[in-house]
Amino acid sequence: MKKYIFISIIIFYTSCTKVEDHSDNTSFFEGIQSDKITFIIDLSINENSTEDLDNFISEITQNVLDKEDFCLEYAYYLSEDKINVTLYEKYIDSKGALQHGQNFMESPYFERFFNLFSIEKFVVTGPASDEFKKFASDNEFEIEYQNLIHGFKRK
């Protein structure tokens, strides 16, 4: 019996670890604390597309990187079965998101994008302006808008 108590004590002390205090590196927020706008777009790859996925993504990503300094993040995520893609975009504010939309629609990538993809779901998080919402609606983008209610950010 003493052997089991001793083993239990050893397990207890070795399994207890100090939890680091992240309070200096973490900020909590409620409501609208940031102007940043995020697009989370679920896409399906069109079977009859004439576009090469890797080539297209490389080209359009480089274009956004070179021409849109208001874009903070821009990334494509391919599903394991290689039939769906999630496009993640983050902009400094609604004005930048609107400018991206306008640039995209006027670019040679617009038609190529819709040759390659179909939009399954388009979510915008953050404080989208009425101007952005009108632009999206006028151009027949069906978007689900979501606003921040609570969360945190580590630095």
N, C-alpha and C. Protein backbone atom coordinates (compact mmCIF):
# COMPACT_ATOMS: atom_id res chain seq x y z
N MET A 1 0.82 -1.19 0.00
CA MET A 1 0.00 0.00 0.00
C MET A 1 0.87 1.26 0.00
N LYS A 2 1.96 1.25 0.80
CA LYS A 2 2.86 2.39 0.85
C LYS A 2 3.46 2.66 -0.52
N LYS A 3 3.71 1.60 -1.25
CA LYS A 3 4.28 1.71 -2.58
C LYS A 3 3.33 2.51 -3.51
N TYR A 4 2.02 2.21 -3.43
CA TYR A 4 1.04 2.91 -4.26
C TYR A 4 0.89 4.37 -3.86
N ILE A 5 0.95 4.66 -2.58
CA ILE A 5 0.87 6.05 -2.11
C ILE A 5 2.09 6.81 -2.59
N PHE A 6 3.28 6.21 -2.47
CA PHE A 6 4.50 6.85 -2.92
C PHE A 6 4.45 7.14 -4.43
N ILE A 7 4.01 6.16 -5.20
CA ILE A 7 3.89 6.33 -6.65
C ILE A 7 2.87 7.41 -6.96
N SER A 8 1.76 7.45 -6.25
CA SER A 8 0.73 8.47 -6.47
C SER A 8 1.27 9.86 -6.19
N ILE A 9 2.07 10.00 -5.12
CA ILE A 9 2.65 11.29 -4.78
C ILE A 9 3.62 11.74 -5.87
N ILE A 10 4.44 10.83 -6.35
CA ILE A 10 5.39 11.16 -7.42
C ILE A 10 4.65 11.59 -8.68
N ILE A 11 3.61 10.85 -9.05
CA ILE A 11 2.83 11.20 -10.24
C ILE A 11 2.18 12.57 -10.06
N PHE A 12 1.64 12.82 -8.85
CA PHE A 12 0.99 14.10 -8.59
C PHE A 12 1.98 15.25 -8.76
N TYR A 13 3.14 15.16 -8.14
CA TYR A 13 4.10 16.26 -8.20
C TYR A 13 4.72 16.43 -9.59
N THR A 14 4.94 15.36 -10.29
CA THR A 14 5.53 15.50 -11.62
C THR A 14 4.51 15.94 -12.67
N SER A 15 3.22 15.72 -12.39
CA SER A 15 2.21 16.14 -13.37
C SER A 15 1.77 17.57 -13.15
N CYS A 16 2.10 18.14 -12.02
CA CYS A 16 1.73 19.53 -11.76
C CYS A 16 2.77 20.43 -12.39
N THR A 17 2.32 21.28 -13.28
CA THR A 17 3.23 22.22 -13.92
C THR A 17 2.74 23.62 -13.66
N LYS A 18 3.65 24.53 -13.67
CA LYS A 18 3.30 25.92 -13.46
C LYS A 18 2.64 26.47 -14.73
N VAL A 19 1.52 27.08 -14.57
CA VAL A 19 0.84 27.72 -15.68
C VAL A 19 1.38 29.13 -15.78
N GLU A 20 1.91 29.45 -16.96
CA GLU A 20 2.50 30.77 -17.14
C GLU A 20 1.42 31.83 -17.18
N ASP A 21 1.74 32.97 -16.64
CA ASP A 21 0.84 34.12 -16.66
C ASP A 21 1.04 34.87 -17.96
N HIS A 22 0.00 34.87 -18.80
CA HIS A 22 0.06 35.53 -20.09
C HIS A 22 -0.63 36.90 -20.06
N SER A 23 -0.92 37.40 -18.87
CA SER A 23 -1.69 38.63 -18.79
C SER A 23 -1.00 39.81 -19.46
N ASP A 24 0.33 39.82 -19.49
CA ASP A 24 1.03 40.91 -20.15
C ASP A 24 0.97 40.80 -21.66
N ASN A 25 0.73 39.59 -22.17
CA ASN A 25 0.72 39.36 -23.61
C ASN A 25 -0.67 39.16 -24.18
N THR A 26 -1.70 39.27 -23.35
CA THR A 26 -3.05 39.00 -23.79
C THR A 26 -3.93 40.21 -23.56
N SER A 27 -4.71 40.56 -24.56
CA SER A 27 -5.69 41.62 -24.37
C SER A 27 -7.07 41.07 -24.70
N PHE A 28 -8.02 41.39 -23.85
CA PHE A 28 -9.39 40.95 -24.05
C PHE A 28 -10.16 42.10 -24.68
N PHE A 29 -11.17 41.75 -25.46
CA PHE A 29 -11.98 42.78 -26.08
C PHE A 29 -13.42 42.33 -26.20
N GLU A 30 -14.30 43.28 -26.12
CA GLU A 30 -15.72 43.05 -26.33
C GLU A 30 -16.22 44.11 -27.29
N GLY A 31 -17.19 43.76 -28.10
CA GLY A 31 -17.72 44.72 -29.05
C GLY A 31 -16.69 45.04 -30.11
N ILE A 32 -16.86 46.14 -30.77
CA ILE A 32 -15.96 46.52 -31.86
C ILE A 32 -14.74 47.22 -31.29
N GLN A 33 -13.60 46.56 -31.33
CA GLN A 33 -12.35 47.12 -30.85
C GLN A 33 -11.34 47.29 -31.97
N SER A 34 -11.65 46.78 -33.12
CA SER A 34 -10.70 46.79 -34.23
C SER A 34 -11.44 47.16 -35.51
N ASP A 35 -10.73 47.81 -36.40
CA ASP A 35 -11.30 48.13 -37.71
C ASP A 35 -11.06 47.02 -38.72
N LYS A 36 -10.30 46.00 -38.34
CA LYS A 36 -9.92 44.94 -39.28
C LYS A 36 -11.15 44.17 -39.78
N ILE A 37 -11.08 43.83 -41.06
CA ILE A 37 -12.14 43.06 -41.73
C ILE A 37 -11.52 41.75 -42.22
N THR A 38 -12.21 40.66 -41.97
CA THR A 38 -11.73 39.35 -42.41
C THR A 38 -12.76 38.71 -43.34
N PHE A 39 -12.27 38.13 -44.43
CA PHE A 39 -13.11 37.34 -45.33
C PHE A 39 -12.76 35.87 -45.09
N ILE A 40 -13.76 35.06 -44.91
CA ILE A 40 -13.60 33.60 -44.86
C ILE A 40 -14.55 33.07 -45.93
N ILE A 41 -13.96 32.60 -47.03
CA ILE A 41 -14.76 32.22 -48.20
C ILE A 41 -14.55 30.74 -48.49
N ASP A 42 -15.63 29.98 -48.37
CA ASP A 42 -15.59 28.56 -48.70
C ASP A 42 -15.90 28.39 -50.18
N LEU A 43 -15.00 27.73 -50.87
CA LEU A 43 -15.09 27.56 -52.32
C LEU A 43 -15.09 26.08 -52.68
N SER A 44 -15.79 25.75 -53.75
CA SER A 44 -15.64 24.42 -54.33
C SER A 44 -14.91 24.61 -55.66
N ILE A 45 -14.08 23.64 -56.00
CA ILE A 45 -13.33 23.70 -57.25
C ILE A 45 -14.22 23.14 -58.36
N ASN A 46 -14.40 23.93 -59.41
CA ASN A 46 -15.23 23.50 -60.53
C ASN A 46 -14.55 22.38 -61.30
N GLU A 47 -15.26 21.29 -61.49
CA GLU A 47 -14.69 20.13 -62.18
C GLU A 47 -14.31 20.43 -63.62
N ASN A 48 -15.06 21.30 -64.28
CA ASN A 48 -14.81 21.58 -65.69
C ASN A 48 -13.92 22.81 -65.90
N SER A 49 -13.23 23.24 -64.86
CA SER A 49 -12.38 24.43 -64.98
C SER A 49 -11.20 24.17 -65.90
N THR A 50 -10.82 25.24 -66.62
CA THR A 50 -9.65 25.16 -67.49
C THR A 50 -8.41 25.76 -66.79
N GLU A 51 -8.59 26.23 -65.57
CA GLU A 51 -7.49 26.85 -64.81
C GLU A 51 -6.69 25.79 -64.06
N ASP A 52 -5.40 26.02 -63.96
CA ASP A 52 -4.54 25.21 -63.11
C ASP A 52 -4.56 25.84 -61.71
N LEU A 53 -4.99 25.09 -60.72
CA LEU A 53 -5.17 25.60 -59.35
C LEU A 53 -3.91 26.24 -58.81
N ASP A 54 -2.81 25.52 -58.82
CA ASP A 54 -1.57 26.03 -58.23
C ASP A 54 -1.07 27.29 -58.94
N ASN A 55 -1.13 27.29 -60.24
CA ASN A 55 -0.68 28.44 -61.03
C ASN A 55 -1.54 29.67 -60.74
N PHE A 56 -2.85 29.47 -60.75
CA PHE A 56 -3.76 30.59 -60.51
C PHE A 56 -3.55 31.18 -59.11
N ILE A 57 -3.51 30.33 -58.11
CA ILE A 57 -3.35 30.81 -56.73
C ILE A 57 -2.03 31.55 -56.57
N SER A 58 -0.99 31.05 -57.17
CA SER A 58 0.31 31.71 -57.10
C SER A 58 0.24 33.10 -57.73
N GLU A 59 -0.36 33.20 -58.90
CA GLU A 59 -0.46 34.48 -59.61
C GLU A 59 -1.29 35.51 -58.85
N ILE A 60 -2.48 35.11 -58.41
CA ILE A 60 -3.37 36.07 -57.76
C ILE A 60 -2.82 36.48 -56.40
N THR A 61 -2.19 35.56 -55.70
CA THR A 61 -1.59 35.89 -54.40
C THR A 61 -0.48 36.91 -54.58
N GLN A 62 0.38 36.70 -55.58
CA GLN A 62 1.47 37.64 -55.83
C GLN A 62 0.92 39.02 -56.22
N ASN A 63 -0.16 39.03 -56.99
CA ASN A 63 -0.79 40.29 -57.38
C ASN A 63 -1.29 41.06 -56.15
N VAL A 64 -1.97 40.38 -55.25
CA VAL A 64 -2.47 41.04 -54.03
C VAL A 64 -1.29 41.53 -53.19
N LEU A 65 -0.27 40.71 -53.05
CA LEU A 65 0.91 41.09 -52.27
C LEU A 65 1.57 42.35 -52.85
N ASP A 66 1.70 42.39 -54.16
CA ASP A 66 2.38 43.51 -54.81
C ASP A 66 1.56 44.81 -54.84
N LYS A 67 0.24 44.70 -54.92
CA LYS A 67 -0.57 45.88 -55.19
C LYS A 67 -1.47 46.35 -54.04
N GLU A 68 -1.59 45.55 -52.99
CA GLU A 68 -2.55 45.90 -51.94
C GLU A 68 -1.89 45.87 -50.56
N ASP A 69 -1.23 46.97 -50.21
CA ASP A 69 -0.54 47.00 -48.92
C ASP A 69 -1.51 47.07 -47.74
N PHE A 70 -2.79 47.28 -48.01
CA PHE A 70 -3.82 47.29 -46.98
C PHE A 70 -4.31 45.88 -46.67
N CYS A 71 -3.83 44.88 -47.41
CA CYS A 71 -4.16 43.48 -47.16
C CYS A 71 -3.13 42.92 -46.17
N LEU A 72 -3.59 42.46 -45.02
CA LEU A 72 -2.71 41.94 -43.98
C LEU A 72 -2.42 40.45 -44.13
N GLU A 73 -3.41 39.70 -44.59
CA GLU A 73 -3.26 38.26 -44.78
C GLU A 73 -4.07 37.84 -45.99
N TYR A 74 -3.55 36.86 -46.72
CA TYR A 74 -4.23 36.36 -47.90
C TYR A 74 -3.75 34.93 -48.10
N ALA A 75 -4.63 33.94 -47.90
CA ALA A 75 -4.19 32.55 -47.93
C ALA A 75 -5.29 31.62 -48.42
N TYR A 76 -4.88 30.63 -49.20
CA TYR A 76 -5.77 29.58 -49.70
C TYR A 76 -5.46 28.29 -48.95
N TYR A 77 -6.51 27.60 -48.48
CA TYR A 77 -6.37 26.33 -47.78
C TYR A 77 -7.13 25.27 -48.56
N LEU A 78 -6.42 24.22 -48.97
CA LEU A 78 -7.00 23.14 -49.77
C LEU A 78 -7.42 21.99 -48.88
N SER A 79 -8.64 21.47 -49.09
CA SER A 79 -9.13 20.33 -48.32
C SER A 79 -8.32 19.08 -48.67
N GLU A 80 -8.34 18.12 -47.77
CA GLU A 80 -7.59 16.88 -48.00
C GLU A 80 -8.06 16.14 -49.25
N ASP A 81 -9.35 16.23 -49.55
CA ASP A 81 -9.87 15.54 -50.74
C ASP A 81 -9.66 16.36 -52.02
N LYS A 82 -9.09 17.54 -51.89
CA LYS A 82 -8.72 18.41 -53.01
C LYS A 82 -9.91 18.86 -53.87
N ILE A 83 -11.08 19.01 -53.22
CA ILE A 83 -12.23 19.50 -53.97
C ILE A 83 -12.79 20.81 -53.40
N ASN A 84 -12.28 21.22 -52.24
CA ASN A 84 -12.74 22.46 -51.62
C ASN A 84 -11.55 23.30 -51.19
N VAL A 85 -11.76 24.60 -51.18
CA VAL A 85 -10.73 25.55 -50.77
C VAL A 85 -11.38 26.56 -49.84
N THR A 86 -10.66 26.95 -48.81
CA THR A 86 -11.08 28.08 -47.99
C THR A 86 -10.09 29.21 -48.25
N LEU A 87 -10.63 30.36 -48.63
CA LEU A 87 -9.82 31.55 -48.86
C LEU A 87 -9.97 32.44 -47.64
N TYR A 88 -8.84 32.80 -47.03
CA TYR A 88 -8.82 33.63 -45.83
C TYR A 88 -8.12 34.93 -46.18
N GLU A 89 -8.82 36.04 -45.96
CA GLU A 89 -8.27 37.36 -46.27
C GLU A 89 -8.50 38.29 -45.08
N LYS A 90 -7.52 39.13 -44.78
CA LYS A 90 -7.69 40.11 -43.70
C LYS A 90 -7.19 41.46 -44.18
N TYR A 91 -8.02 42.49 -43.94
CA TYR A 91 -7.73 43.85 -44.38
C TYR A 91 -7.69 44.79 -43.19
N ILE A 92 -6.95 45.89 -43.33
CA ILE A 92 -6.79 46.82 -42.21
C ILE A 92 -8.11 47.47 -41.81
N ASP A 93 -9.02 47.59 -42.77
CA ASP A 93 -10.32 48.19 -42.46
C ASP A 93 -11.28 47.93 -43.62
N SER A 94 -12.50 48.40 -43.44
CA SER A 94 -13.54 48.20 -44.45
C SER A 94 -13.20 48.90 -45.76
N LYS A 95 -12.53 50.04 -45.66
CA LYS A 95 -12.13 50.76 -46.88
C LYS A 95 -11.16 49.90 -47.71
N GLY A 96 -10.20 49.25 -47.05
CA GLY A 96 -9.27 48.36 -47.74
C GLY A 96 -9.98 47.16 -48.35
N ALA A 97 -10.95 46.59 -47.61
CA ALA A 97 -11.71 45.46 -48.12
C ALA A 97 -12.51 45.86 -49.36
N LEU A 98 -13.10 47.05 -49.32
CA LEU A 98 -13.84 47.57 -50.47
C LEU A 98 -12.91 47.77 -51.66
N GLN A 99 -11.74 48.36 -51.42
CA GLN A 99 -10.78 48.58 -52.51
C GLN A 99 -10.35 47.25 -53.11
N HIS A 100 -10.15 46.24 -52.27
CA HIS A 100 -9.79 44.91 -52.79
C HIS A 100 -10.90 44.39 -53.70
N GLY A 101 -12.15 44.52 -53.25
CA GLY A 101 -13.27 44.05 -54.06
C GLY A 101 -13.32 44.74 -55.40
N GLN A 102 -13.12 46.05 -55.40
CA GLN A 102 -13.12 46.80 -56.65
C GLN A 102 -11.95 46.39 -57.55
N ASN A 103 -10.77 46.25 -56.95
CA ASN A 103 -9.60 45.81 -57.72
C ASN A 103 -9.84 44.44 -58.34
N PHE A 104 -10.39 43.53 -57.55
CA PHE A 104 -10.64 42.16 -57.99
C PHE A 104 -11.60 42.14 -59.18
N MET A 105 -12.68 42.90 -59.08
CA MET A 105 -13.67 42.87 -60.15
C MET A 105 -13.16 43.49 -61.44
N GLU A 106 -12.21 44.40 -61.35
CA GLU A 106 -11.64 45.05 -62.54
C GLU A 106 -10.42 44.31 -63.09
N SER A 107 -10.00 43.28 -62.41
CA SER A 107 -8.77 42.58 -62.79
C SER A 107 -9.05 41.43 -63.76
N PRO A 108 -7.99 40.93 -64.40
CA PRO A 108 -8.15 39.74 -65.25
C PRO A 108 -8.37 38.48 -64.42
N TYR A 109 -8.21 38.57 -63.11
CA TYR A 109 -8.40 37.40 -62.23
C TYR A 109 -9.86 37.10 -61.96
N PHE A 110 -10.73 38.07 -62.13
CA PHE A 110 -12.14 37.90 -61.80
C PHE A 110 -12.77 36.73 -62.56
N GLU A 111 -12.71 36.76 -63.87
CA GLU A 111 -13.30 35.68 -64.66
C GLU A 111 -12.59 34.36 -64.42
N ARG A 112 -11.28 34.41 -64.29
CA ARG A 112 -10.51 33.19 -64.05
C ARG A 112 -10.89 32.57 -62.71
N PHE A 113 -11.10 33.42 -61.70
CA PHE A 113 -11.48 32.93 -60.37
C PHE A 113 -12.78 32.13 -60.44
N PHE A 114 -13.78 32.69 -61.14
CA PHE A 114 -15.07 32.01 -61.22
C PHE A 114 -15.09 30.87 -62.23
N ASN A 115 -14.08 30.80 -63.09
CA ASN A 115 -13.90 29.62 -63.92
C ASN A 115 -13.41 28.46 -63.05
N LEU A 116 -12.60 28.79 -62.07
CA LEU A 116 -11.98 27.79 -61.19
C LEU A 116 -12.85 27.44 -59.99
N PHE A 117 -13.52 28.43 -59.40
CA PHE A 117 -14.24 28.23 -58.14
C PHE A 117 -15.70 28.62 -58.21
N SER A 118 -16.48 28.01 -57.33
CA SER A 118 -17.84 28.44 -57.02
C SER A 118 -17.85 28.78 -55.53
N ILE A 119 -18.49 29.89 -55.19
CA ILE A 119 -18.57 30.29 -53.78
C ILE A 119 -19.68 29.49 -53.11
N GLU A 120 -19.32 28.81 -52.03
CA GLU A 120 -20.29 28.06 -51.24
C GLU A 120 -20.79 28.89 -50.07
N LYS A 121 -19.87 29.64 -49.45
CA LYS A 121 -20.23 30.50 -48.31
C LYS A 121 -19.20 31.61 -48.21
N PHE A 122 -19.67 32.82 -47.93
CA PHE A 122 -18.81 33.99 -47.83
C PHE A 122 -19.17 34.68 -46.52
N VAL A 123 -18.23 34.67 -45.57
CA VAL A 123 -18.43 35.29 -44.27
C VAL A 123 -17.46 36.45 -44.14
N VAL A 124 -17.98 37.59 -43.69
CA VAL A 124 -17.16 38.75 -43.40
C VAL A 124 -17.27 39.02 -41.91
N THR A 125 -16.12 39.04 -41.22
CA THR A 125 -16.11 39.37 -39.80
C THR A 125 -15.51 40.75 -39.61
N GLY A 126 -16.05 41.46 -38.65
CA GLY A 126 -15.57 42.80 -38.36
C GLY A 126 -16.58 43.85 -38.79
N PRO A 127 -16.25 45.10 -38.53
CA PRO A 127 -17.20 46.20 -38.78
C PRO A 127 -17.25 46.64 -40.25
N ALA A 128 -17.94 45.86 -41.06
CA ALA A 128 -18.09 46.20 -42.48
C ALA A 128 -18.94 47.47 -42.60
N SER A 129 -18.47 48.40 -43.39
CA SER A 129 -19.18 49.67 -43.59
C SER A 129 -20.41 49.46 -44.47
N ASP A 130 -21.33 50.41 -44.40
CA ASP A 130 -22.50 50.38 -45.27
C ASP A 130 -22.08 50.45 -46.74
N GLU A 131 -21.01 51.21 -47.00
CA GLU A 131 -20.50 51.33 -48.37
C GLU A 131 -20.02 49.97 -48.88
N PHE A 132 -19.31 49.22 -48.04
CA PHE A 132 -18.85 47.89 -48.43
C PHE A 132 -20.05 46.97 -48.67
N LYS A 133 -21.02 47.00 -47.76
CA LYS A 133 -22.21 46.14 -47.88
C LYS A 133 -22.98 46.46 -49.16
N LYS A 134 -23.09 47.74 -49.49
CA LYS A 134 -23.79 48.13 -50.72
C LYS A 134 -23.04 47.62 -51.95
N PHE A 135 -21.72 47.79 -51.95
CA PHE A 135 -20.90 47.30 -53.06
C PHE A 135 -21.12 45.79 -53.24
N ALA A 136 -21.06 45.05 -52.15
CA ALA A 136 -21.23 43.59 -52.22
C ALA A 136 -22.61 43.21 -52.74
N SER A 137 -23.63 43.88 -52.22
CA SER A 137 -25.00 43.61 -52.64
C SER A 137 -25.22 43.98 -54.11
N ASP A 138 -24.73 45.15 -54.50
CA ASP A 138 -24.88 45.59 -55.89
C ASP A 138 -24.22 44.63 -56.87
N ASN A 139 -23.17 43.94 -56.42
CA ASN A 139 -22.44 43.00 -57.27
C ASN A 139 -22.83 41.55 -57.02
N GLU A 140 -23.95 41.38 -56.33
CA GLU A 140 -24.59 40.08 -56.12
C GLU A 140 -23.75 39.09 -55.32
N PHE A 141 -22.92 39.60 -54.42
CA PHE A 141 -22.21 38.73 -53.49
C PHE A 141 -23.12 38.49 -52.30
N GLU A 142 -23.41 37.23 -52.01
CA GLU A 142 -24.23 36.88 -50.84
C GLU A 142 -23.28 36.67 -49.67
N ILE A 143 -23.32 37.60 -48.72
CA ILE A 143 -22.37 37.59 -47.62
C ILE A 143 -23.10 37.50 -46.29
N GLU A 144 -22.54 36.70 -45.39
CA GLU A 144 -23.01 36.63 -44.01
C GLU A 144 -22.07 37.53 -43.20
N TYR A 145 -22.62 38.56 -42.59
CA TYR A 145 -21.81 39.50 -41.80
C TYR A 145 -21.87 39.10 -40.33
N GLN A 146 -20.70 39.10 -39.68
CA GLN A 146 -20.62 38.75 -38.27
C GLN A 146 -19.75 39.79 -37.56
N ASN A 147 -20.25 40.25 -36.41
CA ASN A 147 -19.52 41.23 -35.62
C ASN A 147 -18.99 40.61 -34.35
N LEU A 148 -17.88 41.10 -33.89
CA LEU A 148 -17.22 40.62 -32.69
C LEU A 148 -18.10 40.87 -31.46
N ILE A 149 -18.22 39.85 -30.61
CA ILE A 149 -18.92 40.05 -29.35
C ILE A 149 -17.97 39.87 -28.16
N HIS A 150 -16.95 39.01 -28.32
CA HIS A 150 -16.01 38.82 -27.22
C HIS A 150 -14.84 37.98 -27.72
N GLY A 151 -13.70 38.13 -27.11
CA GLY A 151 -12.55 37.33 -27.47
C GLY A 151 -11.28 37.89 -26.86
N PHE A 152 -10.15 37.36 -27.29
CA PHE A 152 -8.85 37.87 -26.85
C PHE A 152 -7.86 37.75 -27.96
N LYS A 153 -6.75 38.45 -27.78
CA LYS A 153 -5.65 38.42 -28.76
C LYS A 153 -4.35 38.37 -27.98
N ARG A 154 -3.50 37.45 -28.33
CA ARG A 154 -2.15 37.39 -27.74
C ARG A 154 -1.22 38.21 -28.60
N LYS A 155 -0.30 38.86 -27.97
CA LYS A 155 0.66 39.70 -28.70
C LYS A 155 1.87 38.91 -29.09
